Amino acid sequence: MRVMATWIGNSGDIGNWGTPEELNTPAHLIIGSAILARPNVAAVNAAAIAGSLIPDLSLYLLTFHALLVQGHSANHVFDVLYFSPQWQRIFAIDNSLFVWMAVLVAGLLVRQCWVQVLGIAGMLHVAFDFLLHNDDAHQHFWPLSEWVFRSPVSYWDQAYYGDMFSVFEIALCAVLSAFLWRRFRHLSSRIAIVVVMSAELAPAVMFGALL
């Protein structure tokens, strides 16, 4: 999902479509919830949402700080800072498969279902990112290795089938959102489903309107 595709920096420049600032966080939330969330188990559902979100959280925090506090332009953030060793070292931690495996093992040891779900959700997020990032990929095997896998398929970059995959992503999220709608009958849950699916669809709608 492309959540930050039209950031406007202090210089007035509008960030280009199809750059690493495009996050598919809503898709991660929908997929993680469809696999792991269940009615009437609040702690497990919160863990499923948290595990689906946390691997992207550092990027949001660093981006907001760079844009709003430090005053950098969007282009500088996503063309320079994103790829800097300092930012990549941070991304390596919350995007590490081994970190999330450790969370899962901890959950098994303490016999806490919500901790196990947190670890599984994080692992799912990392696994999808591993398969769907090319030049913006992370060090998913930190701290054992700094190796970065450059997938031949990108969820956003048209040079790596991103245009085709984005259609599949939206269709998959629509199907899973319908599935979640049937699973969760409470009003607040259904509002959350609509909000997240709207966030998934918004960039495609905005982009279509600009063409």
N, C-alpha and C. Protein backbone atom coordinates (compact mmCIF):
# COMPACT_ATOMS: atom_id res chain seq x y z
N MET A 1 0.83 -1.18 0.00
CA MET A 1 0.00 0.00 0.00
C MET A 1 0.87 1.23 0.00
N ARG A 2 0.39 2.25 -0.74
CA ARG A 2 1.16 3.48 -0.85
C ARG A 2 0.57 4.54 0.07
N VAL A 3 1.09 4.66 1.30
CA VAL A 3 0.47 5.55 2.27
C VAL A 3 1.03 6.95 2.25
N MET A 4 2.28 7.10 1.86
CA MET A 4 2.91 8.41 1.95
C MET A 4 3.44 8.86 0.59
N ALA A 5 2.68 8.62 -0.46
CA ALA A 5 3.19 8.85 -1.80
C ALA A 5 3.20 10.31 -2.20
N THR A 6 2.52 11.16 -1.47
CA THR A 6 2.47 12.57 -1.88
C THR A 6 2.95 13.50 -0.78
N TRP A 7 3.99 13.05 -0.03
CA TRP A 7 4.58 13.93 0.98
C TRP A 7 5.08 15.21 0.32
N ILE A 8 4.82 16.32 0.96
CA ILE A 8 5.32 17.59 0.47
C ILE A 8 6.37 18.12 1.42
N GLY A 9 7.56 18.30 0.93
CA GLY A 9 8.65 18.80 1.77
C GLY A 9 8.62 20.30 1.90
N ASN A 10 9.55 20.83 2.69
CA ASN A 10 9.61 22.28 2.90
C ASN A 10 9.89 23.03 1.62
N SER A 11 10.56 22.35 0.68
CA SER A 11 10.87 23.02 -0.57
C SER A 11 9.67 23.11 -1.48
N GLY A 12 8.57 22.40 -1.11
CA GLY A 12 7.39 22.41 -1.96
C GLY A 12 7.39 21.28 -2.94
N ASP A 13 8.47 20.48 -2.96
CA ASP A 13 8.51 19.36 -3.89
C ASP A 13 7.56 18.27 -3.43
N ILE A 14 6.92 17.65 -4.37
CA ILE A 14 6.03 16.55 -4.05
C ILE A 14 6.76 15.27 -4.33
N GLY A 15 6.77 14.38 -3.35
CA GLY A 15 7.44 13.10 -3.50
C GLY A 15 6.89 12.33 -4.66
N ASN A 16 7.76 11.64 -5.42
CA ASN A 16 7.34 10.89 -6.58
C ASN A 16 6.58 9.64 -6.18
N TRP A 17 5.64 9.25 -7.05
CA TRP A 17 4.99 7.97 -6.87
C TRP A 17 6.01 6.90 -7.19
N GLY A 18 5.96 5.81 -6.44
CA GLY A 18 6.84 4.70 -6.75
C GLY A 18 8.22 4.85 -6.15
N THR A 19 8.32 5.27 -4.90
CA THR A 19 9.59 5.37 -4.22
C THR A 19 9.47 4.69 -2.87
N PRO A 20 10.57 4.48 -2.10
CA PRO A 20 10.49 3.69 -0.89
C PRO A 20 9.57 4.24 0.19
N GLU A 21 9.07 5.47 0.02
CA GLU A 21 8.18 5.98 1.04
C GLU A 21 6.82 5.28 1.00
N GLU A 22 6.62 4.45 -0.01
CA GLU A 22 5.35 3.77 -0.15
C GLU A 22 5.34 2.56 0.77
N LEU A 23 4.48 2.58 1.75
CA LEU A 23 4.41 1.51 2.72
C LEU A 23 3.14 0.68 2.50
N ASN A 24 3.26 -0.62 2.65
CA ASN A 24 2.08 -1.47 2.53
C ASN A 24 1.59 -1.89 3.90
N THR A 25 1.70 -1.02 4.88
CA THR A 25 1.29 -1.35 6.23
C THR A 25 -0.17 -1.79 6.32
N PRO A 26 -1.14 -1.12 5.68
CA PRO A 26 -2.52 -1.60 5.76
C PRO A 26 -2.68 -3.04 5.26
N ALA A 27 -1.95 -3.39 4.21
CA ALA A 27 -2.02 -4.77 3.71
C ALA A 27 -1.49 -5.74 4.76
N HIS A 28 -0.40 -5.38 5.42
CA HIS A 28 0.12 -6.23 6.50
C HIS A 28 -0.92 -6.40 7.61
N LEU A 29 -1.59 -5.32 7.96
CA LEU A 29 -2.60 -5.37 9.02
C LEU A 29 -3.75 -6.29 8.63
N ILE A 30 -4.19 -6.18 7.39
CA ILE A 30 -5.32 -6.99 6.93
C ILE A 30 -4.93 -8.47 6.87
N ILE A 31 -3.77 -8.77 6.30
CA ILE A 31 -3.35 -10.16 6.18
C ILE A 31 -3.09 -10.78 7.56
N GLY A 32 -2.37 -10.04 8.41
CA GLY A 32 -2.09 -10.55 9.74
C GLY A 32 -3.35 -10.80 10.55
N SER A 33 -4.31 -9.90 10.44
CA SER A 33 -5.57 -10.06 11.17
C SER A 33 -6.39 -11.23 10.63
N ALA A 34 -6.41 -11.38 9.30
CA ALA A 34 -7.16 -12.48 8.70
C ALA A 34 -6.62 -13.83 9.14
N ILE A 35 -5.31 -13.93 9.31
CA ILE A 35 -4.70 -15.19 9.69
C ILE A 35 -4.78 -15.45 11.19
N LEU A 36 -4.63 -14.40 11.99
CA LEU A 36 -4.42 -14.60 13.42
C LEU A 36 -5.53 -14.10 14.34
N ALA A 37 -6.29 -13.10 13.92
CA ALA A 37 -7.28 -12.49 14.82
C ALA A 37 -8.54 -13.36 14.91
N ARG A 38 -9.14 -13.34 16.10
CA ARG A 38 -10.36 -14.10 16.36
C ARG A 38 -11.30 -13.25 17.22
N PRO A 39 -12.60 -13.45 17.10
CA PRO A 39 -13.54 -12.68 17.94
C PRO A 39 -13.37 -13.00 19.42
N ASN A 40 -13.55 -11.97 20.23
CA ASN A 40 -13.62 -12.12 21.69
C ASN A 40 -12.31 -12.56 22.34
N VAL A 41 -11.19 -12.29 21.70
CA VAL A 41 -9.88 -12.53 22.33
C VAL A 41 -9.05 -11.27 22.12
N ALA A 42 -9.32 -10.26 22.93
CA ALA A 42 -8.75 -8.93 22.72
C ALA A 42 -7.24 -8.93 22.74
N ALA A 43 -6.63 -9.65 23.67
CA ALA A 43 -5.17 -9.64 23.79
C ALA A 43 -4.52 -10.24 22.55
N VAL A 44 -5.09 -11.33 22.04
CA VAL A 44 -4.56 -11.97 20.84
C VAL A 44 -4.72 -11.05 19.63
N ASN A 45 -5.87 -10.41 19.51
CA ASN A 45 -6.11 -9.51 18.38
C ASN A 45 -5.18 -8.30 18.42
N ALA A 46 -4.98 -7.75 19.62
CA ALA A 46 -4.05 -6.63 19.76
C ALA A 46 -2.64 -7.06 19.38
N ALA A 47 -2.25 -8.28 19.74
CA ALA A 47 -0.93 -8.78 19.40
C ALA A 47 -0.79 -8.98 17.90
N ALA A 48 -1.85 -9.47 17.25
CA ALA A 48 -1.82 -9.65 15.79
C ALA A 48 -1.63 -8.32 15.08
N ILE A 49 -2.33 -7.29 15.57
CA ILE A 49 -2.21 -5.96 14.97
C ILE A 49 -0.83 -5.37 15.24
N ALA A 50 -0.35 -5.51 16.49
CA ALA A 50 0.95 -4.95 16.85
C ALA A 50 2.08 -5.61 16.05
N GLY A 51 2.04 -6.94 15.96
CA GLY A 51 3.09 -7.63 15.21
C GLY A 51 3.08 -7.29 13.73
N SER A 52 1.90 -7.00 13.20
CA SER A 52 1.80 -6.60 11.78
C SER A 52 2.28 -5.18 11.55
N LEU A 53 2.24 -4.36 12.59
CA LEU A 53 2.60 -2.94 12.47
C LEU A 53 4.04 -2.63 12.85
N ILE A 54 4.56 -3.26 13.89
CA ILE A 54 5.85 -2.86 14.47
C ILE A 54 7.01 -2.85 13.47
N PRO A 55 7.12 -3.81 12.54
CA PRO A 55 8.26 -3.74 11.61
C PRO A 55 8.29 -2.47 10.76
N ASP A 56 7.15 -1.80 10.59
CA ASP A 56 7.10 -0.53 9.84
C ASP A 56 7.17 0.69 10.76
N LEU A 57 7.04 0.49 12.06
CA LEU A 57 6.88 1.61 12.97
C LEU A 57 8.10 2.53 12.99
N SER A 58 9.29 1.95 12.98
CA SER A 58 10.49 2.79 13.03
C SER A 58 10.58 3.71 11.81
N LEU A 59 10.15 3.22 10.66
CA LEU A 59 10.19 4.06 9.46
C LEU A 59 9.22 5.23 9.60
N TYR A 60 8.03 4.98 10.13
CA TYR A 60 7.09 6.08 10.35
C TYR A 60 7.68 7.11 11.31
N LEU A 61 8.22 6.65 12.43
CA LEU A 61 8.75 7.57 13.44
C LEU A 61 9.93 8.37 12.90
N LEU A 62 10.85 7.70 12.24
CA LEU A 62 12.02 8.40 11.67
C LEU A 62 11.60 9.39 10.60
N THR A 63 10.61 9.00 9.80
CA THR A 63 10.15 9.87 8.72
C THR A 63 9.47 11.12 9.27
N PHE A 64 8.57 10.95 10.22
CA PHE A 64 7.89 12.10 10.80
C PHE A 64 8.89 13.03 11.49
N HIS A 65 9.87 12.48 12.18
CA HIS A 65 10.87 13.31 12.84
C HIS A 65 11.71 14.08 11.82
N ALA A 66 12.12 13.40 10.75
CA ALA A 66 12.94 14.05 9.74
C ALA A 66 12.16 15.14 9.01
N LEU A 67 10.89 14.90 8.73
CA LEU A 67 10.08 15.86 7.99
C LEU A 67 9.62 17.02 8.86
N LEU A 68 9.08 16.70 10.02
CA LEU A 68 8.40 17.71 10.82
C LEU A 68 9.29 18.39 11.86
N VAL A 69 10.30 17.68 12.35
CA VAL A 69 11.18 18.25 13.37
C VAL A 69 12.46 18.80 12.74
N GLN A 70 13.12 17.97 11.92
CA GLN A 70 14.38 18.40 11.31
C GLN A 70 14.18 19.24 10.06
N GLY A 71 12.98 19.18 9.47
CA GLY A 71 12.68 20.03 8.32
C GLY A 71 13.26 19.57 7.00
N HIS A 72 13.61 18.29 6.88
CA HIS A 72 14.13 17.79 5.61
C HIS A 72 13.00 17.69 4.59
N SER A 73 13.36 17.77 3.32
CA SER A 73 12.38 17.58 2.26
C SER A 73 12.06 16.10 2.13
N ALA A 74 10.92 15.80 1.54
CA ALA A 74 10.53 14.40 1.34
C ALA A 74 11.54 13.68 0.46
N ASN A 75 12.01 14.35 -0.58
CA ASN A 75 12.98 13.71 -1.47
C ASN A 75 14.26 13.35 -0.73
N HIS A 76 14.72 14.22 0.16
CA HIS A 76 15.94 13.93 0.91
C HIS A 76 15.71 12.76 1.86
N VAL A 77 14.53 12.73 2.48
CA VAL A 77 14.23 11.64 3.41
C VAL A 77 14.27 10.29 2.71
N PHE A 78 13.58 10.19 1.57
CA PHE A 78 13.41 8.89 0.93
C PHE A 78 14.49 8.54 -0.08
N ASP A 79 15.24 9.53 -0.53
CA ASP A 79 16.34 9.25 -1.46
C ASP A 79 17.68 9.14 -0.75
N VAL A 80 17.81 9.75 0.43
CA VAL A 80 19.10 9.78 1.12
C VAL A 80 19.01 9.11 2.50
N LEU A 81 18.18 9.67 3.38
CA LEU A 81 18.14 9.17 4.75
C LEU A 81 17.66 7.73 4.83
N TYR A 82 16.68 7.38 4.03
CA TYR A 82 16.16 6.01 4.04
C TYR A 82 17.27 4.99 3.84
N PHE A 83 18.21 5.28 2.95
CA PHE A 83 19.28 4.33 2.60
C PHE A 83 20.54 4.54 3.44
N SER A 84 20.51 5.47 4.37
CA SER A 84 21.69 5.74 5.19
C SER A 84 21.98 4.57 6.12
N PRO A 85 23.25 4.34 6.46
CA PRO A 85 23.59 3.25 7.39
C PRO A 85 22.87 3.38 8.73
N GLN A 86 22.69 4.61 9.21
CA GLN A 86 22.04 4.81 10.50
C GLN A 86 20.60 4.30 10.48
N TRP A 87 19.84 4.68 9.46
CA TRP A 87 18.45 4.23 9.37
C TRP A 87 18.38 2.73 9.09
N GLN A 88 19.26 2.24 8.24
CA GLN A 88 19.22 0.82 7.90
C GLN A 88 19.54 -0.06 9.11
N ARG A 89 20.41 0.43 10.00
CA ARG A 89 20.70 -0.34 11.22
C ARG A 89 19.47 -0.46 12.11
N ILE A 90 18.67 0.59 12.14
CA ILE A 90 17.43 0.55 12.93
C ILE A 90 16.42 -0.40 12.27
N PHE A 91 16.28 -0.27 10.95
CA PHE A 91 15.34 -1.15 10.25
C PHE A 91 15.72 -2.62 10.41
N ALA A 92 17.02 -2.89 10.51
CA ALA A 92 17.48 -4.28 10.62
C ALA A 92 16.95 -4.94 11.88
N ILE A 93 16.75 -4.17 12.94
CA ILE A 93 16.30 -4.74 14.21
C ILE A 93 14.84 -5.16 14.12
N ASP A 94 13.95 -4.22 13.77
CA ASP A 94 12.53 -4.57 13.79
C ASP A 94 12.10 -5.35 12.55
N ASN A 95 12.99 -5.52 11.60
CA ASN A 95 12.69 -6.34 10.43
C ASN A 95 13.49 -7.64 10.41
N SER A 96 14.06 -7.99 11.55
CA SER A 96 14.85 -9.22 11.65
C SER A 96 13.96 -10.43 11.91
N LEU A 97 14.10 -11.44 11.08
CA LEU A 97 13.37 -12.68 11.29
C LEU A 97 13.72 -13.30 12.63
N PHE A 98 15.00 -13.20 13.02
CA PHE A 98 15.44 -13.81 14.27
C PHE A 98 14.87 -13.10 15.50
N VAL A 99 14.69 -11.80 15.42
CA VAL A 99 14.07 -11.07 16.52
C VAL A 99 12.64 -11.58 16.75
N TRP A 100 11.89 -11.73 15.67
CA TRP A 100 10.51 -12.18 15.80
C TRP A 100 10.42 -13.65 16.15
N MET A 101 11.39 -14.44 15.71
CA MET A 101 11.44 -15.83 16.14
C MET A 101 11.69 -15.91 17.65
N ALA A 102 12.54 -15.03 18.15
CA ALA A 102 12.82 -14.98 19.58
C ALA A 102 11.56 -14.62 20.37
N VAL A 103 10.75 -13.72 19.84
CA VAL A 103 9.49 -13.36 20.49
C VAL A 103 8.57 -14.58 20.54
N LEU A 104 8.49 -15.32 19.43
CA LEU A 104 7.67 -16.53 19.40
C LEU A 104 8.15 -17.56 20.41
N VAL A 105 9.45 -17.79 20.46
CA VAL A 105 10.01 -18.75 21.41
C VAL A 105 9.72 -18.31 22.85
N ALA A 106 9.85 -17.02 23.11
CA ALA A 106 9.55 -16.51 24.45
C ALA A 106 8.10 -16.78 24.81
N GLY A 107 7.21 -16.59 23.84
CA GLY A 107 5.80 -16.86 24.09
C GLY A 107 5.54 -18.33 24.39
N LEU A 108 6.26 -19.21 23.71
CA LEU A 108 6.12 -20.63 23.97
C LEU A 108 6.64 -20.99 25.36
N LEU A 109 7.74 -20.36 25.72
CA LEU A 109 8.35 -20.67 27.03
C LEU A 109 7.46 -20.21 28.19
N VAL A 110 6.85 -19.05 28.03
CA VAL A 110 6.01 -18.53 29.12
C VAL A 110 4.55 -18.95 28.96
N ARG A 111 4.27 -19.66 27.85
CA ARG A 111 2.93 -20.18 27.58
C ARG A 111 1.88 -19.07 27.54
N GLN A 112 2.25 -18.00 26.83
CA GLN A 112 1.33 -16.88 26.64
C GLN A 112 0.95 -16.81 25.16
N CYS A 113 -0.30 -17.06 24.88
CA CYS A 113 -0.76 -17.11 23.49
C CYS A 113 -0.55 -15.78 22.78
N TRP A 114 -0.81 -14.67 23.48
CA TRP A 114 -0.70 -13.37 22.82
C TRP A 114 0.74 -13.06 22.42
N VAL A 115 1.71 -13.50 23.22
CA VAL A 115 3.12 -13.30 22.87
C VAL A 115 3.48 -14.14 21.65
N GLN A 116 2.96 -15.35 21.59
CA GLN A 116 3.19 -16.20 20.43
C GLN A 116 2.62 -15.56 19.17
N VAL A 117 1.40 -15.04 19.28
CA VAL A 117 0.76 -14.39 18.12
C VAL A 117 1.54 -13.15 17.70
N LEU A 118 2.04 -12.40 18.67
CA LEU A 118 2.88 -11.23 18.35
C LEU A 118 4.08 -11.65 17.52
N GLY A 119 4.76 -12.72 17.93
CA GLY A 119 5.91 -13.20 17.18
C GLY A 119 5.55 -13.70 15.80
N ILE A 120 4.44 -14.44 15.69
CA ILE A 120 4.02 -14.96 14.39
C ILE A 120 3.64 -13.82 13.44
N ALA A 121 2.93 -12.82 13.96
CA ALA A 121 2.53 -11.68 13.13
C ALA A 121 3.75 -10.93 12.60
N GLY A 122 4.74 -10.72 13.48
CA GLY A 122 5.97 -10.08 13.03
C GLY A 122 6.70 -10.90 11.99
N MET A 123 6.73 -12.22 12.17
CA MET A 123 7.38 -13.10 11.20
C MET A 123 6.66 -13.06 9.85
N LEU A 124 5.34 -13.01 9.87
CA LEU A 124 4.58 -12.91 8.62
C LEU A 124 4.91 -11.61 7.88
N HIS A 125 4.96 -10.52 8.63
CA HIS A 125 5.29 -9.23 8.03
C HIS A 125 6.67 -9.29 7.37
N VAL A 126 7.65 -9.81 8.10
CA VAL A 126 9.01 -9.88 7.58
C VAL A 126 9.08 -10.81 6.37
N ALA A 127 8.34 -11.92 6.40
CA ALA A 127 8.36 -12.86 5.29
C ALA A 127 7.83 -12.23 4.01
N PHE A 128 6.72 -11.49 4.12
CA PHE A 128 6.17 -10.82 2.94
C PHE A 128 7.13 -9.74 2.43
N ASP A 129 7.74 -8.99 3.35
CA ASP A 129 8.70 -7.97 2.94
C ASP A 129 9.91 -8.60 2.24
N PHE A 130 10.35 -9.74 2.75
CA PHE A 130 11.49 -10.45 2.15
C PHE A 130 11.21 -10.78 0.69
N LEU A 131 9.98 -11.16 0.39
CA LEU A 131 9.62 -11.59 -0.96
C LEU A 131 9.26 -10.43 -1.89
N LEU A 132 9.03 -9.23 -1.33
CA LEU A 132 8.42 -8.18 -2.14
C LEU A 132 9.15 -6.84 -2.08
N HIS A 133 10.43 -6.85 -1.73
CA HIS A 133 11.24 -5.63 -1.76
C HIS A 133 12.48 -5.86 -2.62
N ASN A 134 12.81 -4.86 -3.42
CA ASN A 134 14.02 -4.96 -4.24
C ASN A 134 15.09 -4.00 -3.72
N ASP A 135 15.19 -2.80 -4.27
CA ASP A 135 16.28 -1.90 -3.86
C ASP A 135 16.04 -1.28 -2.49
N ASP A 136 14.83 -1.44 -1.94
CA ASP A 136 14.53 -0.89 -0.61
C ASP A 136 14.45 -1.99 0.45
N ALA A 137 15.08 -3.13 0.17
CA ALA A 137 15.02 -4.28 1.08
C ALA A 137 15.82 -4.04 2.36
N HIS A 138 15.54 -4.85 3.38
CA HIS A 138 16.20 -4.72 4.67
C HIS A 138 17.08 -5.94 4.98
N GLN A 139 17.81 -5.84 6.08
CA GLN A 139 18.67 -6.93 6.54
C GLN A 139 17.82 -7.87 7.42
N HIS A 140 17.13 -8.79 6.79
CA HIS A 140 16.18 -9.62 7.52
C HIS A 140 16.83 -10.71 8.37
N PHE A 141 18.14 -10.88 8.27
CA PHE A 141 18.80 -11.93 9.05
C PHE A 141 19.76 -11.35 10.10
N TRP A 142 19.59 -10.06 10.42
CA TRP A 142 20.33 -9.46 11.51
C TRP A 142 19.95 -10.18 12.80
N PRO A 143 20.87 -10.41 13.74
CA PRO A 143 22.28 -9.96 13.79
C PRO A 143 23.27 -10.97 13.23
N LEU A 144 22.79 -12.07 12.68
CA LEU A 144 23.71 -13.10 12.19
C LEU A 144 24.32 -12.73 10.85
N SER A 145 23.63 -11.92 10.08
CA SER A 145 24.14 -11.56 8.76
C SER A 145 23.58 -10.21 8.34
N GLU A 146 24.39 -9.45 7.58
CA GLU A 146 23.94 -8.19 7.01
C GLU A 146 23.50 -8.35 5.56
N TRP A 147 23.40 -9.60 5.11
CA TRP A 147 23.00 -9.88 3.73
C TRP A 147 21.59 -9.37 3.47
N VAL A 148 21.40 -8.79 2.28
CA VAL A 148 20.10 -8.26 1.88
C VAL A 148 19.65 -8.97 0.61
N PHE A 149 18.48 -9.56 0.65
CA PHE A 149 17.92 -10.22 -0.52
C PHE A 149 17.17 -9.21 -1.38
N ARG A 150 17.53 -9.11 -2.64
CA ARG A 150 16.86 -8.22 -3.58
C ARG A 150 15.87 -9.06 -4.38
N SER A 151 14.62 -9.00 -4.00
CA SER A 151 13.61 -9.82 -4.66
C SER A 151 13.40 -9.38 -6.11
N PRO A 152 13.16 -10.31 -7.01
CA PRO A 152 12.84 -9.93 -8.40
C PRO A 152 11.45 -9.33 -8.54
N VAL A 153 10.66 -9.37 -7.46
CA VAL A 153 9.31 -8.80 -7.46
C VAL A 153 9.23 -7.74 -6.38
N SER A 154 8.71 -6.57 -6.73
CA SER A 154 8.49 -5.49 -5.77
C SER A 154 7.00 -5.20 -5.69
N TYR A 155 6.52 -4.91 -4.50
CA TYR A 155 5.10 -4.63 -4.34
C TYR A 155 4.71 -3.25 -4.87
N TRP A 156 5.73 -2.40 -5.21
CA TRP A 156 5.41 -1.05 -5.66
C TRP A 156 6.16 -0.61 -6.91
N ASP A 157 7.36 -1.12 -7.13
CA ASP A 157 8.22 -0.65 -8.22
C ASP A 157 7.81 -1.29 -9.54
N GLN A 158 7.39 -0.47 -10.49
CA GLN A 158 6.93 -0.99 -11.78
C GLN A 158 8.04 -1.70 -12.53
N ALA A 159 9.31 -1.37 -12.24
CA ALA A 159 10.43 -2.04 -12.89
C ALA A 159 10.53 -3.51 -12.46
N TYR A 160 9.87 -3.83 -11.35
CA TYR A 160 9.89 -5.20 -10.82
C TYR A 160 8.47 -5.70 -10.59
N TYR A 161 7.61 -5.47 -11.59
CA TYR A 161 6.24 -5.99 -11.61
C TYR A 161 5.34 -5.40 -10.54
N GLY A 162 5.71 -4.24 -10.01
CA GLY A 162 4.91 -3.62 -8.96
C GLY A 162 3.52 -3.24 -9.41
N ASP A 163 3.37 -2.84 -10.69
CA ASP A 163 2.05 -2.44 -11.17
C ASP A 163 1.10 -3.64 -11.17
N MET A 164 1.61 -4.80 -11.57
CA MET A 164 0.76 -6.00 -11.57
C MET A 164 0.50 -6.48 -10.15
N PHE A 165 1.54 -6.44 -9.32
CA PHE A 165 1.34 -6.94 -7.96
C PHE A 165 0.38 -6.07 -7.17
N SER A 166 0.40 -4.76 -7.41
CA SER A 166 -0.49 -3.88 -6.65
C SER A 166 -1.96 -4.23 -6.91
N VAL A 167 -2.27 -4.67 -8.13
CA VAL A 167 -3.64 -5.10 -8.43
C VAL A 167 -3.99 -6.34 -7.62
N PHE A 168 -3.04 -7.29 -7.59
CA PHE A 168 -3.25 -8.50 -6.80
C PHE A 168 -3.39 -8.18 -5.32
N GLU A 169 -2.55 -7.26 -4.83
CA GLU A 169 -2.59 -6.88 -3.42
C GLU A 169 -3.93 -6.31 -3.02
N ILE A 170 -4.46 -5.40 -3.83
CA ILE A 170 -5.75 -4.79 -3.52
C ILE A 170 -6.85 -5.83 -3.55
N ALA A 171 -6.82 -6.71 -4.57
CA ALA A 171 -7.84 -7.75 -4.66
C ALA A 171 -7.78 -8.69 -3.46
N LEU A 172 -6.57 -9.08 -3.07
CA LEU A 172 -6.42 -9.96 -1.91
C LEU A 172 -6.93 -9.29 -0.64
N CYS A 173 -6.57 -8.03 -0.45
CA CYS A 173 -7.01 -7.31 0.75
C CYS A 173 -8.53 -7.13 0.77
N ALA A 174 -9.13 -6.94 -0.40
CA ALA A 174 -10.59 -6.81 -0.46
C ALA A 174 -11.26 -8.12 -0.04
N VAL A 175 -10.74 -9.24 -0.53
CA VAL A 175 -11.30 -10.55 -0.18
C VAL A 175 -11.13 -10.80 1.32
N LEU A 176 -9.93 -10.53 1.84
CA LEU A 176 -9.67 -10.76 3.26
C LEU A 176 -10.48 -9.82 4.15
N SER A 177 -10.70 -8.60 3.68
CA SER A 177 -11.53 -7.66 4.45
C SER A 177 -12.97 -8.15 4.53
N ALA A 178 -13.47 -8.70 3.43
CA ALA A 178 -14.82 -9.28 3.45
C ALA A 178 -14.88 -10.46 4.42
N PHE A 179 -13.82 -11.25 4.42
CA PHE A 179 -13.73 -12.37 5.35
C PHE A 179 -13.73 -11.89 6.79
N LEU A 180 -12.96 -10.84 7.08
CA LEU A 180 -12.92 -10.27 8.43
C LEU A 180 -14.27 -9.67 8.82
N TRP A 181 -14.95 -9.07 7.85
CA TRP A 181 -16.27 -8.48 8.11
C TRP A 181 -17.25 -9.56 8.57
N ARG A 182 -17.17 -10.72 7.95
CA ARG A 182 -18.06 -11.82 8.35
C ARG A 182 -17.65 -12.41 9.69
N ARG A 183 -16.36 -12.41 9.98
CA ARG A 183 -15.87 -12.99 11.23
C ARG A 183 -16.18 -12.10 12.43
N PHE A 184 -16.04 -10.79 12.25
CA PHE A 184 -16.23 -9.85 13.36
C PHE A 184 -17.54 -9.09 13.17
N ARG A 185 -18.44 -9.24 14.12
CA ARG A 185 -19.77 -8.63 14.01
C ARG A 185 -19.89 -7.33 14.81
N HIS A 186 -18.94 -7.07 15.71
CA HIS A 186 -19.03 -5.87 16.55
C HIS A 186 -18.80 -4.63 15.70
N LEU A 187 -19.55 -3.57 16.01
CA LEU A 187 -19.48 -2.34 15.22
C LEU A 187 -18.07 -1.76 15.17
N SER A 188 -17.40 -1.69 16.32
CA SER A 188 -16.06 -1.10 16.35
C SER A 188 -15.08 -1.89 15.48
N SER A 189 -15.22 -3.21 15.47
CA SER A 189 -14.35 -4.04 14.64
C SER A 189 -14.60 -3.76 13.16
N ARG A 190 -15.87 -3.63 12.80
CA ARG A 190 -16.19 -3.38 11.39
C ARG A 190 -15.76 -1.99 10.94
N ILE A 191 -15.84 -1.02 11.84
CA ILE A 191 -15.32 0.31 11.51
C ILE A 191 -13.83 0.24 11.25
N ALA A 192 -13.11 -0.50 12.10
CA ALA A 192 -11.66 -0.65 11.92
C ALA A 192 -11.35 -1.32 10.58
N ILE A 193 -12.12 -2.31 10.19
CA ILE A 193 -11.91 -2.99 8.91
C ILE A 193 -12.09 -2.02 7.75
N VAL A 194 -13.14 -1.21 7.82
CA VAL A 194 -13.40 -0.23 6.76
C VAL A 194 -12.28 0.80 6.68
N VAL A 195 -11.81 1.27 7.84
CA VAL A 195 -10.75 2.29 7.87
C VAL A 195 -9.47 1.74 7.25
N VAL A 196 -9.08 0.53 7.63
CA VAL A 196 -7.82 -0.03 7.12
C VAL A 196 -7.94 -0.33 5.63
N MET A 197 -9.07 -0.87 5.18
CA MET A 197 -9.24 -1.14 3.76
C MET A 197 -9.28 0.16 2.96
N SER A 198 -9.86 1.20 3.54
CA SER A 198 -9.87 2.51 2.87
C SER A 198 -8.45 3.04 2.71
N ALA A 199 -7.61 2.83 3.75
CA ALA A 199 -6.21 3.24 3.65
C ALA A 199 -5.48 2.46 2.57
N GLU A 200 -5.87 1.20 2.40
CA GLU A 200 -5.28 0.39 1.34
C GLU A 200 -5.67 0.89 -0.05
N LEU A 201 -6.92 1.34 -0.19
CA LEU A 201 -7.42 1.77 -1.49
C LEU A 201 -7.09 3.22 -1.83
N ALA A 202 -6.88 4.05 -0.80
CA ALA A 202 -6.76 5.49 -1.01
C ALA A 202 -5.71 5.89 -2.05
N PRO A 203 -4.47 5.36 -1.99
CA PRO A 203 -3.48 5.79 -2.97
C PRO A 203 -3.85 5.47 -4.40
N ALA A 204 -4.48 4.30 -4.61
CA ALA A 204 -4.89 3.95 -5.97
C ALA A 204 -5.94 4.92 -6.47
N VAL A 205 -6.87 5.31 -5.60
CA VAL A 205 -7.91 6.26 -5.97
C VAL A 205 -7.32 7.63 -6.25
N MET A 206 -6.40 8.07 -5.36
CA MET A 206 -5.74 9.36 -5.54
C MET A 206 -4.94 9.40 -6.82
N PHE A 207 -4.21 8.31 -7.08
CA PHE A 207 -3.37 8.25 -8.28
C PHE A 207 -4.23 8.28 -9.53
N GLY A 208 -5.35 7.54 -9.51
CA GLY A 208 -6.24 7.54 -10.66
C GLY A 208 -6.83 8.91 -10.92
N ALA A 209 -7.13 9.65 -9.85
CA ALA A 209 -7.69 10.98 -10.01
C ALA A 209 -6.68 11.96 -10.60
N LEU A 210 -5.38 11.70 -10.37
CA LEU A 210 -4.35 12.60 -10.88
C LEU A 210 -4.04 12.35 -12.35
N LEU A 211 -4.42 11.19 -12.85
CA LEU A 211 -4.11 10.86 -14.25
C LEU A 211 -5.08 11.54 -15.21
